Amino acid sequence: SKDGKELIARYKSDDRVVPTSYNQEEDYDDPHLYMWDMNEKFYIVESNDSWDKEKYGTVKHTGVVAGMPALSGGKAYFGKHGSVWGINYSSGHYRPGISAA
């Protein structure tokens, strides 16, 4: 952010801010899936993404990085204007050691 108090997430491809996935005032909690690959590239799959679940099935963490090794994976929470609210390591497959976290 301009004041340096918030970490703002934007997409590299088009500079859009990552859409809200958490709003405490409105009791809205719909986290995005994320993967952090071995090259330290951070991937986000929006919870409201236009992914065709009927055609392709549910997005899994392993599919985001094509089953390759990764630093971590889980759910990411973003507040208003792309502010990073939190992340967890809930992928079940890609859990970092405490020193990597």
Protein backbone atom coordinates (compact mmCIF):
# COMPACT_ATOMS: atom_id res chain seq x y z
CA SER A 1 0.00 0.00 0.00
CA LYS A 2 1.06 3.60 -0.37
CA ASP A 3 1.35 4.06 3.38
CA GLY A 4 3.44 0.89 3.76
CA LYS A 5 1.10 -0.62 6.34
CA GLU A 6 -0.49 -3.33 4.20
CA LEU A 7 0.80 -5.98 1.82
CA ILE A 8 -1.28 -5.75 -1.36
CA ALA A 9 -1.53 -8.74 -3.71
CA ARG A 10 -1.73 -8.07 -7.45
CA TYR A 11 -1.68 -10.37 -10.45
CA LYS A 12 1.53 -10.09 -12.45
CA SER A 13 -0.31 -10.76 -15.72
CA ASP A 14 -2.56 -7.68 -15.61
CA ASP A 15 -1.84 -5.81 -12.33
CA ARG A 16 -5.37 -6.44 -10.98
CA VAL A 17 -5.64 -6.70 -7.21
CA VAL A 18 -6.59 -10.14 -5.94
CA PRO A 19 -10.32 -10.13 -5.13
CA THR A 20 -11.62 -10.18 -1.58
CA SER A 21 -11.94 -13.61 -0.01
CA TYR A 22 -12.45 -12.53 3.61
CA ASN A 23 -14.52 -9.78 5.20
CA GLN A 24 -15.00 -9.95 8.97
CA GLU A 25 -17.73 -7.29 9.06
CA GLU A 26 -19.88 -9.16 6.53
CA ASP A 27 -18.98 -12.65 7.83
CA TYR A 28 -17.63 -13.56 4.38
CA ASP A 29 -15.02 -16.32 4.30
CA ASP A 30 -14.24 -17.91 0.93
CA PRO A 31 -10.46 -18.39 0.74
CA HIS A 32 -8.50 -18.74 -2.49
CA LEU A 33 -6.27 -21.75 -3.07
CA TYR A 34 -2.56 -21.01 -3.37
CA MET A 35 0.68 -22.77 -4.25
CA TRP A 36 4.22 -21.52 -3.77
CA ASP A 37 6.56 -23.38 -6.12
CA MET A 38 10.26 -24.17 -5.75
CA ASN A 39 11.14 -21.09 -7.83
CA GLU A 40 9.29 -18.95 -5.26
CA LYS A 41 6.47 -18.16 -7.68
CA PHE A 42 3.17 -17.70 -5.83
CA TYR A 43 0.07 -19.02 -7.66
CA ILE A 44 -3.50 -18.10 -6.68
CA VAL A 45 -6.67 -19.85 -7.83
CA GLU A 46 -9.62 -17.60 -7.03
CA SER A 47 -12.43 -19.19 -5.05
CA ASN A 48 -14.93 -17.67 -7.48
CA ASP A 49 -12.80 -18.50 -10.51
CA SER A 50 -14.46 -19.36 -13.80
CA TRP A 51 -12.99 -22.89 -13.59
CA ASP A 52 -15.45 -25.37 -15.14
CA LYS A 53 -15.83 -27.82 -12.23
CA GLU A 54 -18.29 -30.04 -14.11
CA LYS A 55 -15.88 -30.45 -17.01
CA TYR A 56 -12.53 -30.57 -15.17
CA GLY A 57 -13.42 -31.45 -11.57
CA THR A 58 -12.31 -29.63 -8.44
CA VAL A 59 -8.98 -27.78 -8.50
CA LYS A 60 -6.45 -29.53 -6.29
CA HIS A 61 -3.15 -28.13 -5.02
CA THR A 62 -1.20 -30.80 -6.88
CA GLY A 63 -2.73 -29.68 -10.19
CA VAL A 64 -1.62 -26.07 -9.79
CA VAL A 65 2.05 -27.02 -10.06
CA ALA A 66 1.45 -30.21 -12.08
CA GLY A 67 2.50 -32.46 -9.18
CA MET A 68 5.98 -30.94 -9.00
CA PRO A 69 7.72 -30.25 -5.66
CA ALA A 70 6.64 -27.04 -3.94
CA LEU A 71 7.52 -24.92 -0.93
CA SER A 72 3.93 -24.88 0.38
CA GLY A 73 0.28 -24.83 -0.51
CA GLY A 74 -2.96 -24.01 1.25
CA LYS A 75 -5.60 -21.32 1.46
CA ALA A 76 -5.00 -17.58 1.13
CA TYR A 77 -7.26 -14.88 2.52
CA PHE A 78 -7.45 -11.39 1.02
CA GLY A 79 -9.30 -8.39 2.37
CA LYS A 80 -10.49 -5.24 0.67
CA HIS A 81 -8.35 -3.87 -2.15
CA GLY A 82 -6.12 -6.98 -2.25
CA SER A 83 -4.75 -6.64 1.27
CA VAL A 84 -3.28 -9.92 2.47
CA TRP A 85 -5.19 -11.05 5.55
CA GLY A 86 -3.56 -14.46 6.04
CA ILE A 87 -2.45 -17.78 4.62
CA ASN A 88 -2.42 -21.32 5.96
CA TYR A 89 -0.73 -24.56 4.98
CA SER A 90 -3.85 -26.71 4.62
CA SER A 91 -3.09 -28.45 1.32
CA GLY A 92 -2.52 -31.85 2.88
CA HIS A 93 0.36 -32.52 0.46
CA TYR A 94 2.57 -29.44 0.50
CA ARG A 95 3.38 -28.56 4.11
CA PRO A 96 6.58 -26.67 4.80
CA GLY A 97 8.88 -27.41 7.69
CA ILE A 98 8.83 -24.80 10.44
CA SER A 99 12.11 -23.27 9.22
CA ALA A 100 10.69 -22.77 5.71
CA ALA A 101 7.46 -21.21 6.98
